[in-house]
Amino acid sequence: QVQLVESGGGLVQAGGSLRLSCAASGRTFSSYGMGWFRQAPGKEREFVAGISWSSGNTYSTDSVKGRFTISKDNAKNTVYLQMNSLKPEDTAVYYCATSSRNNWLPPRGLSDFNSWGQGTQVTVSS
């Protein structure tokens, strides 16, 4: 199947920026795109942004629009999440995942995804 490895997390001050990467290996052709999720302690895992491999269409949740940008490099089977103007509420473990169906943007939650990375911690301090 698909193996996903997230990187780029860290500790930043509010207003700072981070760029997350998700490198995919294996049968990436089996997926329709990639999405970023995040989960804070005691909170539900929530969708952040997604991108289609073929079309490049993107979608992001309202809370990050204007601050986060998702992009991809098909040749490297990698997706990125550029996070600017970070807020303490953005603190979470960020996961990437592969989408499992066509016409999946916007997603309807975790059910649209099948392979998951281990996550990378993003901590935003005040």
N, C-alpha and C. Protein backbone atom coordinates (compact mmCIF):
# COMPACT_ATOMS: atom_id res chain seq x y z
N GLN A 1 0.82 -1.17 0.00
CA GLN A 1 0.00 0.00 0.00
C GLN A 1 0.87 1.25 0.00
N VAL A 2 0.34 2.34 0.52
CA VAL A 2 1.02 3.61 0.50
C VAL A 2 1.62 3.88 1.87
N GLN A 3 2.87 4.31 1.87
CA GLN A 3 3.52 4.74 3.10
C GLN A 3 3.69 6.25 3.05
N LEU A 4 3.32 6.91 4.12
CA LEU A 4 3.38 8.36 4.20
C LEU A 4 4.25 8.78 5.36
N VAL A 5 5.10 9.76 5.11
CA VAL A 5 5.98 10.28 6.14
C VAL A 5 5.87 11.79 6.16
N GLU A 6 5.41 12.31 7.28
CA GLU A 6 5.31 13.76 7.45
C GLU A 6 6.59 14.30 8.07
N SER A 7 6.89 15.53 7.74
CA SER A 7 8.04 16.21 8.31
C SER A 7 7.80 17.71 8.28
N GLY A 8 8.61 18.44 9.00
CA GLY A 8 8.56 19.89 8.97
C GLY A 8 7.93 20.53 10.18
N GLY A 9 7.40 19.73 11.08
CA GLY A 9 6.81 20.29 12.27
C GLY A 9 7.86 20.84 13.21
N GLY A 10 7.38 21.55 14.21
CA GLY A 10 8.29 22.13 15.18
C GLY A 10 7.58 23.12 16.06
N LEU A 11 8.38 23.86 16.79
CA LEU A 11 7.89 24.87 17.71
C LEU A 11 8.14 26.25 17.12
N VAL A 12 7.08 27.03 17.00
CA VAL A 12 7.19 28.38 16.47
C VAL A 12 6.36 29.32 17.32
N GLN A 13 6.69 30.58 17.24
CA GLN A 13 5.91 31.59 17.91
C GLN A 13 4.71 32.00 17.07
N ALA A 14 3.70 32.50 17.73
CA ALA A 14 2.53 32.98 17.02
C ALA A 14 2.94 34.00 15.96
N GLY A 15 2.34 33.86 14.79
CA GLY A 15 2.69 34.71 13.67
C GLY A 15 3.76 34.14 12.77
N GLY A 16 4.40 33.08 13.20
CA GLY A 16 5.45 32.47 12.43
C GLY A 16 4.92 31.54 11.36
N SER A 17 5.84 30.88 10.68
CA SER A 17 5.49 30.01 9.56
C SER A 17 6.20 28.68 9.67
N LEU A 18 5.56 27.67 9.10
CA LEU A 18 6.15 26.35 8.95
C LEU A 18 5.70 25.79 7.62
N ARG A 19 6.52 24.93 7.07
CA ARG A 19 6.16 24.21 5.86
C ARG A 19 6.25 22.72 6.13
N LEU A 20 5.12 22.07 6.08
CA LEU A 20 5.07 20.63 6.28
C LEU A 20 5.18 19.91 4.96
N SER A 21 5.82 18.76 5.00
CA SER A 21 5.94 17.91 3.83
C SER A 21 5.38 16.54 4.14
N CYS A 22 4.81 15.94 3.14
CA CYS A 22 4.32 14.57 3.24
C CYS A 22 4.82 13.82 2.03
N ALA A 23 5.76 12.93 2.26
CA ALA A 23 6.34 12.14 1.20
C ALA A 23 5.65 10.78 1.15
N ALA A 24 5.18 10.44 -0.02
CA ALA A 24 4.46 9.19 -0.22
C ALA A 24 5.29 8.22 -1.02
N SER A 25 5.22 6.97 -0.64
CA SER A 25 5.88 5.91 -1.39
C SER A 25 4.94 4.72 -1.49
N GLY A 26 5.25 3.84 -2.42
CA GLY A 26 4.38 2.70 -2.64
C GLY A 26 3.39 2.99 -3.74
N ARG A 27 2.21 2.45 -3.60
CA ARG A 27 1.20 2.54 -4.65
C ARG A 27 0.43 3.84 -4.55
N THR A 28 1.12 4.93 -4.81
CA THR A 28 0.47 6.23 -4.77
C THR A 28 -0.55 6.40 -5.88
N PHE A 29 -0.39 5.64 -6.94
CA PHE A 29 -1.34 5.71 -8.05
C PHE A 29 -2.72 5.19 -7.67
N SER A 30 -2.80 4.55 -6.55
CA SER A 30 -4.08 4.03 -6.09
C SER A 30 -4.94 5.09 -5.42
N SER A 31 -4.37 6.24 -5.17
CA SER A 31 -5.10 7.30 -4.49
C SER A 31 -5.45 8.42 -5.45
N TYR A 32 -6.43 9.20 -5.08
CA TYR A 32 -6.86 10.33 -5.90
C TYR A 32 -6.23 11.64 -5.48
N GLY A 33 -5.74 11.70 -4.29
CA GLY A 33 -5.12 12.91 -3.80
C GLY A 33 -4.67 12.75 -2.37
N MET A 34 -4.30 13.85 -1.79
CA MET A 34 -3.77 13.85 -0.43
C MET A 34 -4.45 14.93 0.39
N GLY A 35 -4.59 14.65 1.63
CA GLY A 35 -5.16 15.61 2.54
C GLY A 35 -4.34 15.76 3.80
N TRP A 36 -4.45 16.91 4.39
CA TRP A 36 -3.84 17.19 5.68
C TRP A 36 -4.92 17.26 6.75
N PHE A 37 -4.65 16.62 7.85
CA PHE A 37 -5.51 16.66 9.02
C PHE A 37 -4.69 17.12 10.21
N ARG A 38 -5.38 17.50 11.25
CA ARG A 38 -4.69 17.81 12.49
C ARG A 38 -5.55 17.37 13.67
N GLN A 39 -4.87 17.07 14.75
CA GLN A 39 -5.56 16.64 15.95
C GLN A 39 -4.84 17.18 17.17
N ALA A 40 -5.55 17.96 17.93
CA ALA A 40 -5.05 18.49 19.18
C ALA A 40 -5.48 17.58 20.32
N PRO A 41 -4.76 17.61 21.44
CA PRO A 41 -5.15 16.76 22.58
C PRO A 41 -6.59 16.99 23.00
N GLY A 42 -7.31 15.91 23.13
CA GLY A 42 -8.70 16.00 23.54
C GLY A 42 -9.66 16.45 22.47
N LYS A 43 -9.16 16.65 21.26
CA LYS A 43 -9.99 17.12 20.16
C LYS A 43 -10.12 16.05 19.09
N GLU A 44 -11.14 16.20 18.28
CA GLU A 44 -11.32 15.30 17.16
C GLU A 44 -10.33 15.64 16.05
N ARG A 45 -9.97 14.63 15.29
CA ARG A 45 -9.13 14.86 14.13
C ARG A 45 -9.94 15.61 13.08
N GLU A 46 -9.40 16.71 12.58
CA GLU A 46 -10.13 17.53 11.65
C GLU A 46 -9.37 17.72 10.35
N PHE A 47 -10.13 17.84 9.29
CA PHE A 47 -9.56 18.08 7.98
C PHE A 47 -9.06 19.51 7.88
N VAL A 48 -7.90 19.68 7.25
CA VAL A 48 -7.30 21.00 7.09
C VAL A 48 -7.31 21.43 5.63
N ALA A 49 -6.74 20.61 4.76
CA ALA A 49 -6.64 20.96 3.35
C ALA A 49 -6.41 19.70 2.54
N GLY A 50 -6.79 19.75 1.28
CA GLY A 50 -6.61 18.62 0.40
C GLY A 50 -6.27 19.06 -1.01
N ILE A 51 -5.67 18.16 -1.77
CA ILE A 51 -5.29 18.45 -3.14
C ILE A 51 -5.42 17.19 -3.97
N SER A 52 -5.88 17.37 -5.20
CA SER A 52 -6.02 16.26 -6.14
C SER A 52 -4.72 16.05 -6.91
N TRP A 53 -4.31 14.80 -7.06
CA TRP A 53 -3.10 14.51 -7.82
C TRP A 53 -3.23 14.93 -9.27
N SER A 54 -4.34 14.62 -9.88
CA SER A 54 -4.49 14.81 -11.32
C SER A 54 -4.80 16.25 -11.71
N SER A 55 -5.75 16.84 -11.05
CA SER A 55 -6.21 18.18 -11.44
C SER A 55 -5.50 19.30 -10.70
N GLY A 56 -4.98 19.01 -9.53
CA GLY A 56 -4.40 20.05 -8.71
C GLY A 56 -5.41 20.87 -7.94
N ASN A 57 -6.68 20.50 -8.05
CA ASN A 57 -7.70 21.20 -7.29
C ASN A 57 -7.41 21.12 -5.80
N THR A 58 -7.69 22.20 -5.13
CA THR A 58 -7.43 22.27 -3.70
C THR A 58 -8.67 22.70 -2.94
N TYR A 59 -8.66 22.38 -1.70
CA TYR A 59 -9.72 22.80 -0.80
C TYR A 59 -9.14 22.89 0.60
N SER A 60 -9.53 23.91 1.31
CA SER A 60 -9.09 24.06 2.69
C SER A 60 -10.25 24.49 3.56
N THR A 61 -10.16 24.15 4.80
CA THR A 61 -11.22 24.49 5.73
C THR A 61 -11.18 25.99 6.05
N ASP A 62 -12.31 26.52 6.44
CA ASP A 62 -12.44 27.96 6.63
C ASP A 62 -11.44 28.52 7.64
N SER A 63 -11.13 27.76 8.64
CA SER A 63 -10.28 28.27 9.71
C SER A 63 -8.84 28.54 9.27
N VAL A 64 -8.43 27.99 8.14
CA VAL A 64 -7.05 28.18 7.69
C VAL A 64 -6.96 28.90 6.36
N LYS A 65 -8.08 29.19 5.74
CA LYS A 65 -8.06 29.88 4.45
C LYS A 65 -7.40 31.24 4.60
N GLY A 66 -6.53 31.54 3.65
CA GLY A 66 -5.77 32.78 3.70
C GLY A 66 -4.49 32.67 4.47
N ARG A 67 -4.31 31.59 5.21
CA ARG A 67 -3.10 31.38 5.99
C ARG A 67 -2.31 30.15 5.54
N PHE A 68 -3.03 29.08 5.22
CA PHE A 68 -2.39 27.83 4.82
C PHE A 68 -2.57 27.62 3.33
N THR A 69 -1.56 27.06 2.69
CA THR A 69 -1.61 26.74 1.28
C THR A 69 -1.09 25.33 1.06
N ILE A 70 -1.89 24.52 0.40
CA ILE A 70 -1.46 23.17 0.07
C ILE A 70 -0.96 23.14 -1.37
N SER A 71 0.09 22.38 -1.59
CA SER A 71 0.64 22.24 -2.93
C SER A 71 1.21 20.84 -3.08
N LYS A 72 1.64 20.51 -4.28
CA LYS A 72 2.13 19.16 -4.54
C LYS A 72 3.25 19.15 -5.55
N ASP A 73 4.00 18.10 -5.53
CA ASP A 73 5.01 17.80 -6.54
C ASP A 73 4.78 16.36 -6.95
N ASN A 74 4.10 16.19 -8.07
CA ASN A 74 3.75 14.84 -8.51
C ASN A 74 4.97 13.96 -8.73
N ALA A 75 6.03 14.54 -9.29
CA ALA A 75 7.22 13.76 -9.57
C ALA A 75 7.85 13.20 -8.31
N LYS A 76 7.70 13.90 -7.21
CA LYS A 76 8.27 13.48 -5.95
C LYS A 76 7.25 12.81 -5.04
N ASN A 77 6.03 12.70 -5.52
CA ASN A 77 4.95 12.12 -4.71
C ASN A 77 4.89 12.77 -3.34
N THR A 78 4.92 14.07 -3.36
CA THR A 78 4.99 14.83 -2.12
C THR A 78 3.97 15.95 -2.14
N VAL A 79 3.34 16.14 -1.02
CA VAL A 79 2.47 17.29 -0.83
C VAL A 79 3.02 18.14 0.30
N TYR A 80 2.70 19.41 0.24
CA TYR A 80 3.20 20.37 1.19
C TYR A 80 2.06 21.15 1.80
N LEU A 81 2.30 21.63 2.97
CA LEU A 81 1.36 22.53 3.61
C LEU A 81 2.15 23.72 4.14
N GLN A 82 2.04 24.83 3.45
CA GLN A 82 2.67 26.05 3.90
C GLN A 82 1.75 26.74 4.88
N MET A 83 2.22 26.93 6.08
CA MET A 83 1.41 27.49 7.15
C MET A 83 2.01 28.82 7.56
N ASN A 84 1.26 29.88 7.34
CA ASN A 84 1.68 31.22 7.71
C ASN A 84 0.74 31.77 8.77
N SER A 85 1.20 32.82 9.41
CA SER A 85 0.41 33.49 10.43
C SER A 85 -0.14 32.50 11.44
N LEU A 86 0.72 31.65 11.92
CA LEU A 86 0.30 30.59 12.82
C LEU A 86 -0.23 31.14 14.14
N LYS A 87 -1.23 30.47 14.63
CA LYS A 87 -1.87 30.83 15.88
C LYS A 87 -1.74 29.69 16.87
N PRO A 88 -1.81 30.00 18.16
CA PRO A 88 -1.76 28.91 19.15
C PRO A 88 -2.81 27.83 18.91
N GLU A 89 -3.96 28.20 18.39
CA GLU A 89 -5.00 27.23 18.11
C GLU A 89 -4.64 26.26 17.00
N ASP A 90 -3.58 26.55 16.26
CA ASP A 90 -3.10 25.63 15.25
C ASP A 90 -2.26 24.50 15.83
N THR A 91 -1.95 24.58 17.10
CA THR A 91 -1.15 23.55 17.74
C THR A 91 -1.85 22.21 17.66
N ALA A 92 -1.17 21.23 17.11
CA ALA A 92 -1.75 19.91 16.92
C ALA A 92 -0.70 19.00 16.30
N VAL A 93 -1.02 17.73 16.27
CA VAL A 93 -0.28 16.80 15.44
C VAL A 93 -0.92 16.83 14.06
N TYR A 94 -0.10 17.04 13.05
CA TYR A 94 -0.59 17.13 11.69
C TYR A 94 -0.30 15.83 10.95
N TYR A 95 -1.32 15.31 10.32
CA TYR A 95 -1.24 14.06 9.59
C TYR A 95 -1.57 14.29 8.12
N CYS A 96 -0.93 13.53 7.27
CA CYS A 96 -1.36 13.47 5.89
C CYS A 96 -1.99 12.11 5.62
N ALA A 97 -2.83 12.07 4.62
CA ALA A 97 -3.55 10.86 4.29
C ALA A 97 -3.90 10.85 2.82
N THR A 98 -4.06 9.67 2.27
CA THR A 98 -4.45 9.51 0.88
C THR A 98 -5.95 9.38 0.76
N SER A 99 -6.48 10.00 -0.26
CA SER A 99 -7.91 9.89 -0.52
C SER A 99 -8.20 8.60 -1.26
N SER A 100 -9.37 8.07 -1.02
CA SER A 100 -9.71 6.75 -1.54
C SER A 100 -10.81 6.75 -2.59
N ARG A 101 -11.33 7.91 -2.93
CA ARG A 101 -12.38 7.96 -3.92
C ARG A 101 -12.25 9.18 -4.80
N ASN A 102 -12.93 9.11 -5.93
CA ASN A 102 -12.96 10.19 -6.88
C ASN A 102 -13.92 11.28 -6.39
N ASN A 103 -13.72 12.48 -6.91
CA ASN A 103 -14.58 13.61 -6.57
C ASN A 103 -14.70 13.77 -5.06
N TRP A 104 -13.57 13.90 -4.42
CA TRP A 104 -13.51 13.84 -2.97
C TRP A 104 -13.32 15.19 -2.29
N LEU A 105 -13.20 16.26 -3.08
CA LEU A 105 -13.07 17.59 -2.50
C LEU A 105 -14.37 18.37 -2.64
N PRO A 106 -14.90 18.89 -1.57
CA PRO A 106 -14.41 18.76 -0.19
C PRO A 106 -14.67 17.37 0.39
N PRO A 107 -13.84 16.93 1.28
CA PRO A 107 -14.03 15.60 1.88
C PRO A 107 -15.15 15.62 2.89
N ARG A 108 -15.59 14.43 3.22
CA ARG A 108 -16.65 14.26 4.21
C ARG A 108 -16.13 13.60 5.47
N GLY A 109 -14.87 13.83 5.74
CA GLY A 109 -14.27 13.32 6.95
C GLY A 109 -13.29 12.20 6.70
N LEU A 110 -12.98 11.48 7.76
CA LEU A 110 -11.96 10.44 7.69
C LEU A 110 -12.33 9.29 6.77
N SER A 111 -13.61 9.13 6.50
CA SER A 111 -14.04 8.01 5.67
C SER A 111 -13.53 8.10 4.23
N ASP A 112 -13.13 9.27 3.80
CA ASP A 112 -12.62 9.45 2.44
C ASP A 112 -11.14 9.13 2.31
N PHE A 113 -10.51 8.70 3.38
CA PHE A 113 -9.07 8.48 3.39
C PHE A 113 -8.75 7.09 3.91
N ASN A 114 -7.66 6.53 3.38
CA ASN A 114 -7.35 5.15 3.75
C ASN A 114 -5.95 4.94 4.33
N SER A 115 -4.94 5.63 3.82
CA SER A 115 -3.59 5.50 4.34
C SER A 115 -3.18 6.76 5.09
N TRP A 116 -2.52 6.56 6.23
CA TRP A 116 -2.18 7.67 7.10
C TRP A 116 -0.71 7.65 7.48
N GLY A 117 -0.15 8.84 7.62
CA GLY A 117 1.18 8.96 8.17
C GLY A 117 1.15 8.95 9.68
N GLN A 118 2.33 9.02 10.28
CA GLN A 118 2.44 8.98 11.73
C GLN A 118 2.24 10.34 12.38
N GLY A 119 2.32 11.39 11.60
CA GLY A 119 2.07 12.72 12.12
C GLY A 119 3.34 13.47 12.46
N THR A 120 3.22 14.77 12.45
CA THR A 120 4.31 15.64 12.87
C THR A 120 3.74 16.72 13.77
N GLN A 121 4.42 16.98 14.87
CA GLN A 121 3.92 17.90 15.87
C GLN A 121 4.18 19.34 15.47
N VAL A 122 3.15 20.14 15.56
CA VAL A 122 3.25 21.58 15.37
C VAL A 122 2.80 22.24 16.65
N THR A 123 3.67 23.03 17.23
CA THR A 123 3.36 23.74 18.45
C THR A 123 3.58 25.23 18.23
N VAL A 124 2.56 26.00 18.49
CA VAL A 124 2.61 27.45 18.31
C VAL A 124 2.47 28.10 19.67
N SER A 125 3.47 28.82 20.07
CA SER A 125 3.46 29.48 21.37
C SER A 125 3.04 30.93 21.24
N SER A 126 2.55 31.48 22.34
CA SER A 126 2.12 32.87 22.36
C SER A 126 3.30 33.80 22.53
